Amino acid sequence: MERAFLFYMHRSFSFRHLTSTSIAFSFWLLVSCLLLLNSCSFNPNYQRKGSDFLQGEWKQDSVERQKLLVSYELHNFRFTCDSFYVSIASNSKVNYGADTCMNSGHWMEYAKGTYEQQSDTLHLKGFFCNPDFSLKKEGGCFRFGAYVEDFKISSKSDSALALLSFSSTIPVKLRLVKRVPCVEKPL
């Protein structure tokens, strides 16, 4: 056994035993490793700037024909740099759960996260929160976990913004309450 081992140790290296398949595999393995290393990048140290026209506090006062609707939501948004904070006032004539939670058909939910605007679409990704915008723990009366919402920006002006949710047929018409400049903060 030791003789066979020593025999192979004293043999000189040769490329003759390599096949074209093993060379091709080695080449593609090397290329894949280089691509993976180049595709990694660090996240930025600061918030991104976000969309200039969105910066500020926006309020939805009412919904068209809200007295005729069984349930609807009113949104209050605050956009700062690339972050959003939303307060959702839900109103319902239907009893969805314990009345201690739903407060006779009126309740509030909160979410925060980051947004991204691509063309006429506003993508919101974040988490449901407590009223002080600290992360909400699992359980309780209302929604928890990920908050993901996409809106089409149907119209915008200096003081008005109209959004169409991809998950609801009720348009969200917002008015500007206060303009807030973006002050980028370290993460």
N, C-alpha and C. Protein backbone atom coordinates (compact mmCIF):
# COMPACT_ATOMS: atom_id res chain seq x y z
N MET A 1 0.82 -1.18 0.00
CA MET A 1 0.00 0.00 0.00
C MET A 1 0.87 1.25 0.00
N GLU A 2 1.93 1.24 0.84
CA GLU A 2 2.81 2.41 0.89
C GLU A 2 3.56 2.57 -0.41
N ARG A 3 3.90 1.45 -1.05
CA ARG A 3 4.62 1.53 -2.32
C ARG A 3 3.77 2.21 -3.39
N ALA A 4 2.49 1.84 -3.45
CA ALA A 4 1.60 2.45 -4.45
C ALA A 4 1.48 3.94 -4.20
N PHE A 5 1.38 4.32 -2.95
CA PHE A 5 1.26 5.74 -2.60
C PHE A 5 2.52 6.50 -3.01
N LEU A 6 3.67 5.93 -2.69
CA LEU A 6 4.93 6.57 -3.05
C LEU A 6 5.12 6.62 -4.56
N PHE A 7 4.62 5.61 -5.27
CA PHE A 7 4.73 5.59 -6.71
C PHE A 7 3.98 6.78 -7.32
N TYR A 8 2.77 7.03 -6.82
CA TYR A 8 1.98 8.15 -7.35
C TYR A 8 2.55 9.50 -6.91
N MET A 9 3.19 9.54 -5.77
CA MET A 9 3.76 10.79 -5.29
C MET A 9 4.99 11.20 -6.11
N HIS A 10 5.70 10.24 -6.65
CA HIS A 10 6.91 10.56 -7.41
C HIS A 10 6.64 10.76 -8.89
N ARG A 11 5.40 10.50 -9.33
CA ARG A 11 5.07 10.72 -10.73
C ARG A 11 4.99 12.21 -11.01
N SER A 12 5.45 12.61 -12.15
CA SER A 12 5.35 14.02 -12.52
C SER A 12 3.93 14.32 -13.02
N PHE A 13 3.53 15.57 -12.87
CA PHE A 13 2.18 15.98 -13.25
C PHE A 13 2.12 16.12 -14.77
N SER A 14 0.98 15.71 -15.35
CA SER A 14 0.80 15.80 -16.79
C SER A 14 -0.63 16.23 -17.09
N PHE A 15 -0.80 17.02 -18.14
CA PHE A 15 -2.13 17.45 -18.55
C PHE A 15 -2.81 16.44 -19.46
N ARG A 16 -2.13 15.36 -19.80
CA ARG A 16 -2.68 14.37 -20.73
C ARG A 16 -3.92 13.69 -20.18
N HIS A 17 -4.01 13.54 -18.86
CA HIS A 17 -5.16 12.82 -18.30
C HIS A 17 -6.40 13.71 -18.17
N LEU A 18 -6.28 15.02 -18.40
CA LEU A 18 -7.43 15.91 -18.34
C LEU A 18 -8.24 15.81 -19.63
N THR A 19 -9.55 15.67 -19.49
CA THR A 19 -10.42 15.59 -20.66
C THR A 19 -10.99 16.97 -20.96
N SER A 20 -11.54 17.10 -22.13
CA SER A 20 -12.13 18.39 -22.51
C SER A 20 -13.33 18.71 -21.61
N THR A 21 -14.03 17.70 -21.12
CA THR A 21 -15.16 17.91 -20.22
C THR A 21 -14.71 18.48 -18.89
N SER A 22 -13.64 17.93 -18.33
CA SER A 22 -13.16 18.44 -17.04
C SER A 22 -12.58 19.84 -17.17
N ILE A 23 -11.97 20.15 -18.31
CA ILE A 23 -11.45 21.50 -18.53
C ILE A 23 -12.60 22.49 -18.65
N ALA A 24 -13.64 22.11 -19.40
CA ALA A 24 -14.81 22.98 -19.55
C ALA A 24 -15.50 23.19 -18.21
N PHE A 25 -15.64 22.13 -17.42
CA PHE A 25 -16.26 22.26 -16.10
C PHE A 25 -15.45 23.20 -15.21
N SER A 26 -14.14 23.04 -15.22
CA SER A 26 -13.27 23.92 -14.41
C SER A 26 -13.39 25.37 -14.85
N PHE A 27 -13.45 25.59 -16.16
CA PHE A 27 -13.60 26.95 -16.68
C PHE A 27 -14.91 27.57 -16.21
N TRP A 28 -16.02 26.86 -16.36
CA TRP A 28 -17.33 27.39 -15.96
C TRP A 28 -17.42 27.57 -14.45
N LEU A 29 -16.78 26.73 -13.70
CA LEU A 29 -16.75 26.89 -12.25
C LEU A 29 -16.01 28.18 -11.87
N LEU A 30 -14.90 28.44 -12.52
CA LEU A 30 -14.13 29.66 -12.28
C LEU A 30 -14.94 30.90 -12.67
N VAL A 31 -15.59 30.87 -13.83
CA VAL A 31 -16.40 32.00 -14.29
C VAL A 31 -17.56 32.24 -13.33
N SER A 32 -18.22 31.19 -12.87
CA SER A 32 -19.34 31.33 -11.93
C SER A 32 -18.88 31.96 -10.62
N CYS A 33 -17.75 31.52 -10.12
CA CYS A 33 -17.22 32.09 -8.87
C CYS A 33 -16.91 33.57 -9.03
N LEU A 34 -16.31 33.95 -10.15
CA LEU A 34 -16.00 35.36 -10.40
C LEU A 34 -17.27 36.20 -10.52
N LEU A 35 -18.29 35.68 -11.18
CA LEU A 35 -19.56 36.41 -11.30
C LEU A 35 -20.23 36.58 -9.95
N LEU A 36 -20.21 35.55 -9.13
CA LEU A 36 -20.82 35.65 -7.80
C LEU A 36 -20.10 36.67 -6.94
N LEU A 37 -18.79 36.71 -7.01
CA LEU A 37 -18.04 37.68 -6.23
C LEU A 37 -18.32 39.11 -6.69
N ASN A 38 -18.47 39.31 -7.99
CA ASN A 38 -18.73 40.65 -8.51
C ASN A 38 -20.17 41.09 -8.28
N SER A 39 -21.10 40.16 -8.10
CA SER A 39 -22.51 40.54 -7.92
C SER A 39 -22.80 41.00 -6.50
N CYS A 40 -21.95 40.73 -5.57
CA CYS A 40 -22.16 41.15 -4.19
C CYS A 40 -21.74 42.60 -4.02
N SER A 41 -22.53 43.34 -3.27
CA SER A 41 -22.16 44.73 -2.96
C SER A 41 -22.72 45.09 -1.59
N PHE A 42 -22.09 46.04 -0.96
CA PHE A 42 -22.54 46.48 0.35
C PHE A 42 -23.72 47.42 0.20
N ASN A 43 -24.61 47.41 1.17
CA ASN A 43 -25.70 48.37 1.20
C ASN A 43 -25.14 49.75 1.48
N PRO A 44 -25.85 50.80 1.03
CA PRO A 44 -25.34 52.15 1.29
C PRO A 44 -25.35 52.47 2.79
N ASN A 45 -24.47 53.36 3.21
CA ASN A 45 -24.39 53.75 4.62
C ASN A 45 -25.44 54.78 5.00
N TYR A 46 -26.08 55.40 4.01
CA TYR A 46 -27.08 56.43 4.25
C TYR A 46 -28.38 56.08 3.56
N GLN A 47 -29.47 56.72 4.04
CA GLN A 47 -30.74 56.59 3.35
C GLN A 47 -30.60 57.11 1.94
N ARG A 48 -31.42 56.58 1.05
CA ARG A 48 -31.48 57.14 -0.30
C ARG A 48 -32.37 58.38 -0.28
N LYS A 49 -32.26 59.20 -1.29
CA LYS A 49 -32.97 60.47 -1.32
C LYS A 49 -34.48 60.29 -1.49
N GLY A 50 -34.94 59.37 -2.28
CA GLY A 50 -36.37 59.21 -2.51
C GLY A 50 -36.87 60.19 -3.56
N SER A 51 -38.18 60.22 -3.76
CA SER A 51 -38.80 61.11 -4.74
C SER A 51 -39.09 62.46 -4.11
N ASP A 52 -38.64 63.53 -4.75
CA ASP A 52 -38.80 64.88 -4.20
C ASP A 52 -40.26 65.27 -4.00
N PHE A 53 -41.13 64.94 -4.97
CA PHE A 53 -42.52 65.39 -4.86
C PHE A 53 -43.29 64.69 -3.74
N LEU A 54 -42.81 63.54 -3.28
CA LEU A 54 -43.50 62.80 -2.21
C LEU A 54 -43.13 63.29 -0.81
N GLN A 55 -42.00 63.94 -0.65
CA GLN A 55 -41.49 64.30 0.68
C GLN A 55 -42.52 65.15 1.43
N GLY A 56 -42.95 64.64 2.59
CA GLY A 56 -43.89 65.38 3.41
C GLY A 56 -44.97 64.50 4.00
N GLU A 57 -45.97 65.16 4.58
CA GLU A 57 -47.11 64.47 5.19
C GLU A 57 -48.33 64.64 4.30
N TRP A 58 -48.98 63.53 4.00
CA TRP A 58 -50.14 63.50 3.11
C TRP A 58 -51.32 62.88 3.85
N LYS A 59 -52.51 63.44 3.64
CA LYS A 59 -53.69 62.97 4.36
C LYS A 59 -54.83 62.69 3.39
N GLN A 60 -55.53 61.59 3.64
CA GLN A 60 -56.74 61.26 2.90
C GLN A 60 -57.92 61.62 3.80
N ASP A 61 -58.72 62.61 3.40
CA ASP A 61 -59.82 63.08 4.24
C ASP A 61 -61.06 62.21 4.14
N SER A 62 -61.35 61.71 2.96
CA SER A 62 -62.55 60.90 2.79
C SER A 62 -62.40 60.02 1.56
N VAL A 63 -63.37 59.14 1.40
CA VAL A 63 -63.44 58.25 0.25
C VAL A 63 -64.74 58.58 -0.47
N GLU A 64 -64.72 58.56 -1.79
CA GLU A 64 -65.95 58.82 -2.54
C GLU A 64 -67.03 57.83 -2.12
N ARG A 65 -68.21 58.36 -1.83
CA ARG A 65 -69.39 57.55 -1.45
C ARG A 65 -69.11 56.65 -0.25
N GLN A 66 -68.36 57.15 0.71
CA GLN A 66 -67.98 56.31 1.85
C GLN A 66 -69.18 55.88 2.69
N LYS A 67 -70.26 56.65 2.69
CA LYS A 67 -71.46 56.26 3.46
C LYS A 67 -72.15 55.05 2.85
N LEU A 68 -71.92 54.81 1.56
CA LEU A 68 -72.53 53.66 0.89
C LEU A 68 -71.68 52.40 0.99
N LEU A 69 -70.42 52.55 1.36
CA LEU A 69 -69.50 51.41 1.41
C LEU A 69 -69.65 50.63 2.71
N VAL A 70 -69.48 49.32 2.62
CA VAL A 70 -69.52 48.46 3.80
C VAL A 70 -68.25 48.63 4.62
N SER A 71 -67.11 48.77 3.95
CA SER A 71 -65.86 49.01 4.65
C SER A 71 -64.93 49.83 3.75
N TYR A 72 -64.07 50.63 4.38
CA TYR A 72 -63.11 51.44 3.66
C TYR A 72 -61.98 51.82 4.61
N GLU A 73 -60.89 52.31 4.02
CA GLU A 73 -59.72 52.74 4.80
C GLU A 73 -59.34 54.16 4.40
N LEU A 74 -58.90 54.93 5.39
CA LEU A 74 -58.35 56.26 5.16
C LEU A 74 -56.87 56.23 5.53
N HIS A 75 -56.02 56.77 4.66
CA HIS A 75 -54.57 56.70 4.84
C HIS A 75 -53.98 58.06 5.17
N ASN A 76 -53.03 58.07 6.07
CA ASN A 76 -52.18 59.23 6.34
C ASN A 76 -50.74 58.76 6.13
N PHE A 77 -50.06 59.37 5.17
CA PHE A 77 -48.69 59.00 4.84
C PHE A 77 -47.72 60.09 5.28
N ARG A 78 -46.54 59.65 5.67
CA ARG A 78 -45.41 60.56 5.88
C ARG A 78 -44.22 59.95 5.14
N PHE A 79 -43.71 60.69 4.16
CA PHE A 79 -42.56 60.25 3.37
C PHE A 79 -41.35 61.10 3.76
N THR A 80 -40.29 60.45 4.20
CA THR A 80 -39.03 61.13 4.51
C THR A 80 -37.91 60.35 3.84
N CYS A 81 -37.24 61.02 2.92
CA CYS A 81 -36.19 60.39 2.11
C CYS A 81 -36.75 59.15 1.43
N ASP A 82 -36.20 57.97 1.69
CA ASP A 82 -36.71 56.75 1.06
C ASP A 82 -37.62 55.95 1.99
N SER A 83 -38.03 56.55 3.11
CA SER A 83 -38.85 55.85 4.10
C SER A 83 -40.29 56.35 4.07
N PHE A 84 -41.20 55.48 4.50
CA PHE A 84 -42.59 55.88 4.64
C PHE A 84 -43.12 55.43 5.99
N TYR A 85 -44.10 56.17 6.49
CA TYR A 85 -44.86 55.82 7.69
C TYR A 85 -46.32 56.01 7.31
N VAL A 86 -47.16 55.03 7.57
CA VAL A 86 -48.57 55.15 7.21
C VAL A 86 -49.44 54.78 8.39
N SER A 87 -50.48 55.58 8.60
CA SER A 87 -51.53 55.29 9.58
C SER A 87 -52.78 54.97 8.78
N ILE A 88 -53.38 53.83 9.04
CA ILE A 88 -54.55 53.38 8.29
C ILE A 88 -55.74 53.35 9.24
N ALA A 89 -56.71 54.22 8.98
CA ALA A 89 -57.95 54.24 9.77
C ALA A 89 -58.97 53.38 9.04
N SER A 90 -59.30 52.23 9.61
CA SER A 90 -60.25 51.31 8.99
C SER A 90 -61.64 51.53 9.57
N ASN A 91 -62.63 51.50 8.70
CA ASN A 91 -64.03 51.67 9.08
C ASN A 91 -64.83 50.55 8.45
N SER A 92 -65.68 49.90 9.24
CA SER A 92 -66.45 48.78 8.72
C SER A 92 -67.81 48.69 9.40
N LYS A 93 -68.81 48.34 8.60
CA LYS A 93 -70.15 48.09 9.13
C LYS A 93 -70.33 46.60 9.42
N VAL A 94 -69.32 45.81 9.10
CA VAL A 94 -69.34 44.36 9.31
C VAL A 94 -68.47 44.04 10.51
N ASN A 95 -68.91 43.11 11.35
CA ASN A 95 -68.13 42.72 12.52
C ASN A 95 -67.12 41.66 12.11
N TYR A 96 -65.84 42.05 12.01
CA TYR A 96 -64.79 41.13 11.61
C TYR A 96 -64.21 40.34 12.78
N GLY A 97 -64.45 40.74 13.99
CA GLY A 97 -63.83 40.06 15.12
C GLY A 97 -64.38 40.60 16.42
N ALA A 98 -63.63 40.41 17.47
CA ALA A 98 -64.06 40.85 18.80
C ALA A 98 -64.23 42.37 18.80
N ASP A 99 -65.33 42.83 19.37
CA ASP A 99 -65.61 44.26 19.37
C ASP A 99 -64.61 45.04 20.22
N THR A 100 -63.95 44.37 21.15
CA THR A 100 -62.92 45.06 21.93
C THR A 100 -61.77 45.48 21.03
N CYS A 101 -61.53 44.72 19.97
CA CYS A 101 -60.47 45.07 19.02
C CYS A 101 -60.97 46.07 17.98
N MET A 102 -62.13 45.82 17.43
CA MET A 102 -62.62 46.60 16.30
C MET A 102 -63.32 47.88 16.70
N ASN A 103 -63.55 48.11 17.98
CA ASN A 103 -64.07 49.38 18.50
C ASN A 103 -65.29 49.86 17.71
N SER A 104 -66.32 49.04 17.65
CA SER A 104 -67.57 49.37 16.96
C SER A 104 -67.35 49.70 15.48
N GLY A 105 -66.44 49.03 14.85
CA GLY A 105 -66.21 49.21 13.42
C GLY A 105 -65.19 50.26 13.05
N HIS A 106 -64.42 50.77 14.01
CA HIS A 106 -63.38 51.77 13.73
C HIS A 106 -62.09 51.35 14.43
N TRP A 107 -61.01 51.21 13.68
CA TRP A 107 -59.73 50.85 14.29
C TRP A 107 -58.59 51.42 13.46
N MET A 108 -57.42 51.48 14.08
CA MET A 108 -56.22 52.04 13.45
C MET A 108 -55.15 50.96 13.31
N GLU A 109 -54.43 51.01 12.20
CA GLU A 109 -53.26 50.17 11.98
C GLU A 109 -52.13 51.07 11.49
N TYR A 110 -50.90 50.63 11.73
CA TYR A 110 -49.73 51.44 11.40
C TYR A 110 -48.70 50.56 10.71
N ALA A 111 -47.94 51.17 9.79
CA ALA A 111 -46.87 50.45 9.10
C ALA A 111 -45.75 51.43 8.76
N LYS A 112 -44.55 50.89 8.65
CA LYS A 112 -43.41 51.71 8.23
C LYS A 112 -42.48 50.85 7.39
N GLY A 113 -41.67 51.51 6.57
CA GLY A 113 -40.74 50.78 5.73
C GLY A 113 -40.08 51.71 4.73
N THR A 114 -39.70 51.15 3.61
CA THR A 114 -39.08 51.94 2.55
C THR A 114 -39.95 51.86 1.30
N TYR A 115 -39.81 52.87 0.46
CA TYR A 115 -40.56 52.89 -0.78
C TYR A 115 -39.62 53.07 -1.95
N GLU A 116 -40.13 52.71 -3.10
CA GLU A 116 -39.38 52.90 -4.34
C GLU A 116 -40.37 53.27 -5.42
N GLN A 117 -40.05 54.28 -6.19
CA GLN A 117 -40.91 54.68 -7.30
C GLN A 117 -40.26 54.24 -8.59
N GLN A 118 -41.02 53.50 -9.39
CA GLN A 118 -40.57 53.09 -10.72
C GLN A 118 -41.63 53.54 -11.71
N SER A 119 -41.28 54.52 -12.52
CA SER A 119 -42.20 55.10 -13.49
C SER A 119 -43.43 55.63 -12.75
N ASP A 120 -44.62 55.08 -13.02
CA ASP A 120 -45.83 55.57 -12.35
C ASP A 120 -46.29 54.65 -11.21
N THR A 121 -45.40 53.78 -10.73
CA THR A 121 -45.76 52.83 -9.68
C THR A 121 -44.96 53.12 -8.41
N LEU A 122 -45.68 53.11 -7.29
CA LEU A 122 -45.08 53.34 -5.98
C LEU A 122 -45.12 52.02 -5.22
N HIS A 123 -43.94 51.46 -4.92
CA HIS A 123 -43.83 50.19 -4.20
C HIS A 123 -43.51 50.48 -2.74
N LEU A 124 -44.36 50.02 -1.82
CA LEU A 124 -44.12 50.17 -0.39
C LEU A 124 -43.82 48.80 0.20
N LYS A 125 -42.71 48.69 0.92
CA LYS A 125 -42.34 47.43 1.57
C LYS A 125 -41.92 47.75 2.99
N GLY A 126 -42.59 47.12 3.95
CA GLY A 126 -42.25 47.38 5.34
C GLY A 126 -42.92 46.38 6.25
N PHE A 127 -43.21 46.84 7.47
CA PHE A 127 -43.80 45.99 8.50
C PHE A 127 -44.89 46.73 9.24
N PHE A 128 -45.89 45.98 9.70
CA PHE A 128 -46.92 46.57 10.55
C PHE A 128 -46.30 46.93 11.89
N CYS A 129 -46.76 48.02 12.49
CA CYS A 129 -46.15 48.57 13.69
C CYS A 129 -47.19 48.88 14.75
N ASN A 130 -46.69 49.22 15.91
CA ASN A 130 -47.50 49.77 17.00
C ASN A 130 -47.72 51.25 16.72
N PRO A 131 -48.60 51.92 17.48
CA PRO A 131 -48.84 53.36 17.25
C PRO A 131 -47.58 54.23 17.34
N ASP A 132 -46.57 53.81 18.09
CA ASP A 132 -45.32 54.59 18.17
C ASP A 132 -44.32 54.17 17.07
N PHE A 133 -44.76 53.38 16.12
CA PHE A 133 -43.99 52.87 14.99
C PHE A 133 -42.85 51.95 15.40
N SER A 134 -42.93 51.35 16.58
CA SER A 134 -42.03 50.25 16.93
C SER A 134 -42.61 48.98 16.31
N LEU A 135 -41.75 48.02 15.99
CA LEU A 135 -42.22 46.82 15.32
C LEU A 135 -43.24 46.08 16.16
N LYS A 136 -44.28 45.60 15.50
CA LYS A 136 -45.37 44.91 16.17
C LYS A 136 -45.04 43.43 16.30
N LYS A 137 -45.32 42.87 17.46
CA LYS A 137 -45.08 41.45 17.68
C LYS A 137 -46.25 40.65 17.10
N GLU A 138 -45.98 39.39 16.87
CA GLU A 138 -46.98 38.51 16.31
C GLU A 138 -48.15 38.35 17.28
N GLY A 139 -49.35 38.29 16.73
CA GLY A 139 -50.55 38.10 17.53
C GLY A 139 -51.31 39.39 17.72
N GLY A 140 -52.36 39.33 18.51
CA GLY A 140 -53.16 40.51 18.74
C GLY A 140 -54.35 40.56 17.80
N CYS A 141 -55.00 41.69 17.79
CA CYS A 141 -56.24 41.84 17.03
C CYS A 141 -56.02 42.11 15.55
N PHE A 142 -54.98 42.80 15.20
CA PHE A 142 -54.86 43.32 13.85
C PHE A 142 -53.74 42.64 13.08
N ARG A 143 -53.53 43.11 11.87
CA ARG A 143 -52.50 42.52 11.01
C ARG A 143 -51.11 42.76 11.60
N PHE A 144 -50.21 41.83 11.35
CA PHE A 144 -48.81 41.94 11.79
C PHE A 144 -47.94 41.35 10.70
N GLY A 145 -46.64 41.57 10.81
CA GLY A 145 -45.72 41.03 9.82
C GLY A 145 -45.49 42.00 8.68
N ALA A 146 -45.28 41.46 7.50
CA ALA A 146 -44.90 42.27 6.34
C ALA A 146 -46.07 43.11 5.83
N TYR A 147 -45.76 44.34 5.48
CA TYR A 147 -46.70 45.24 4.81
C TYR A 147 -46.13 45.50 3.42
N VAL A 148 -46.83 45.02 2.41
CA VAL A 148 -46.40 45.21 1.03
C VAL A 148 -47.60 45.75 0.25
N GLU A 149 -47.43 46.91 -0.32
CA GLU A 149 -48.52 47.55 -1.06
C GLU A 149 -47.93 48.24 -2.29
N ASP A 150 -48.63 48.13 -3.39
CA ASP A 150 -48.23 48.79 -4.62
C ASP A 150 -49.35 49.72 -5.07
N PHE A 151 -48.99 50.92 -5.45
CA PHE A 151 -49.95 51.92 -5.92
C PHE A 151 -49.52 52.43 -7.28
N LYS A 152 -50.52 52.71 -8.11
CA LYS A 152 -50.26 53.42 -9.36
C LYS A 152 -50.50 54.90 -9.07
N ILE A 153 -49.56 55.75 -9.44
CA ILE A 153 -49.72 57.19 -9.26
C ILE A 153 -50.54 57.68 -10.44
N SER A 154 -51.85 57.93 -10.21
CA SER A 154 -52.72 58.32 -11.32
C SER A 154 -52.62 59.81 -11.62
N SER A 155 -52.39 60.64 -10.59
CA SER A 155 -52.16 62.06 -10.83
C SER A 155 -51.41 62.65 -9.64
N LYS A 156 -50.69 63.74 -9.93
CA LYS A 156 -49.94 64.40 -8.87
C LYS A 156 -49.82 65.88 -9.19
N SER A 157 -49.80 66.68 -8.13
CA SER A 157 -49.54 68.11 -8.25
C SER A 157 -48.75 68.51 -7.01
N ASP A 158 -48.52 69.81 -6.84
CA ASP A 158 -47.76 70.26 -5.67
C ASP A 158 -48.44 69.92 -4.36
N SER A 159 -49.79 69.91 -4.34
CA SER A 159 -50.50 69.72 -3.08
C SER A 159 -51.51 68.58 -3.10
N ALA A 160 -51.57 67.81 -4.19
CA ALA A 160 -52.51 66.70 -4.28
C ALA A 160 -51.85 65.50 -4.94
N LEU A 161 -52.28 64.32 -4.50
CA LEU A 161 -51.72 63.08 -5.01
C LEU A 161 -52.84 62.05 -5.07
N ALA A 162 -53.03 61.42 -6.21
CA ALA A 162 -54.05 60.38 -6.36
C ALA A 162 -53.37 59.05 -6.65
N LEU A 163 -53.67 58.06 -5.82
CA LEU A 163 -53.09 56.73 -5.95
C LEU A 163 -54.18 55.71 -6.20
N LEU A 164 -53.87 54.71 -7.00
CA LEU A 164 -54.76 53.58 -7.21
C LEU A 164 -54.05 52.34 -6.70
N SER A 165 -54.63 51.70 -5.69
CA SER A 165 -54.02 50.51 -5.12
C SER A 165 -54.25 49.32 -6.04
N PHE A 166 -53.24 48.46 -6.15
CA PHE A 166 -53.40 47.24 -6.93
C PHE A 166 -54.21 46.19 -6.18
N SER A 167 -54.44 46.40 -4.88
CA SER A 167 -55.19 45.42 -4.09
C SER A 167 -56.59 45.90 -3.72
N SER A 168 -56.98 47.09 -4.17
CA SER A 168 -58.30 47.63 -3.85
C SER A 168 -58.80 48.46 -5.02
N THR A 169 -60.11 48.56 -5.15
CA THR A 169 -60.68 49.36 -6.24
C THR A 169 -60.98 50.78 -5.81
N ILE A 170 -60.78 51.10 -4.54
CA ILE A 170 -61.08 52.43 -4.03
C ILE A 170 -59.85 53.32 -4.20
N PRO A 171 -59.97 54.43 -4.93
CA PRO A 171 -58.82 55.33 -5.11
C PRO A 171 -58.45 56.04 -3.81
N VAL A 172 -57.17 56.34 -3.66
CA VAL A 172 -56.66 57.04 -2.49
C VAL A 172 -56.28 58.45 -2.94
N LYS A 173 -57.09 59.44 -2.54
CA LYS A 173 -56.83 60.84 -2.91
C LYS A 173 -56.29 61.56 -1.70
N LEU A 174 -55.04 62.01 -1.81
CA LEU A 174 -54.33 62.61 -0.69
C LEU A 174 -54.11 64.10 -0.93
N ARG A 175 -54.09 64.85 0.16
CA ARG A 175 -53.71 66.26 0.09
C ARG A 175 -52.47 66.46 0.94
N LEU A 176 -51.62 67.37 0.52
CA LEU A 176 -50.39 67.66 1.24
C LEU A 176 -50.72 68.48 2.49
N VAL A 177 -50.29 67.99 3.65
CA VAL A 177 -50.49 68.69 4.91
C VAL A 177 -49.27 69.55 5.21
N LYS A 178 -48.09 68.96 5.04
CA LYS A 178 -46.85 69.67 5.37
C LYS A 178 -45.71 69.10 4.54
N ARG A 179 -44.93 69.97 3.95
CA ARG A 179 -43.75 69.55 3.18
C ARG A 179 -42.61 69.32 4.16
N VAL A 180 -41.96 68.16 4.05
CA VAL A 180 -40.84 67.81 4.93
C VAL A 180 -39.62 67.55 4.05
N PRO A 181 -38.53 68.31 4.23
CA PRO A 181 -37.34 68.07 3.40
C PRO A 181 -36.64 66.77 3.80
N CYS A 182 -35.97 66.18 2.85
CA CYS A 182 -35.22 64.95 3.11
C CYS A 182 -33.87 65.30 3.72
N VAL A 183 -33.63 64.81 4.91
CA VAL A 183 -32.32 64.93 5.56
C VAL A 183 -31.81 63.50 5.71
N GLU A 184 -30.88 63.13 4.83
CA GLU A 184 -30.39 61.75 4.82
C GLU A 184 -29.66 61.44 6.12
N LYS A 185 -30.02 60.31 6.73
CA LYS A 185 -29.44 59.90 8.01
C LYS A 185 -28.63 58.63 7.81
N PRO A 186 -27.60 58.42 8.63
CA PRO A 186 -26.86 57.16 8.55
C PRO A 186 -27.74 56.00 9.01
N LEU A 187 -27.51 54.85 8.41
CA LEU A 187 -28.30 53.67 8.78
C LEU A 187 -27.68 52.94 9.94
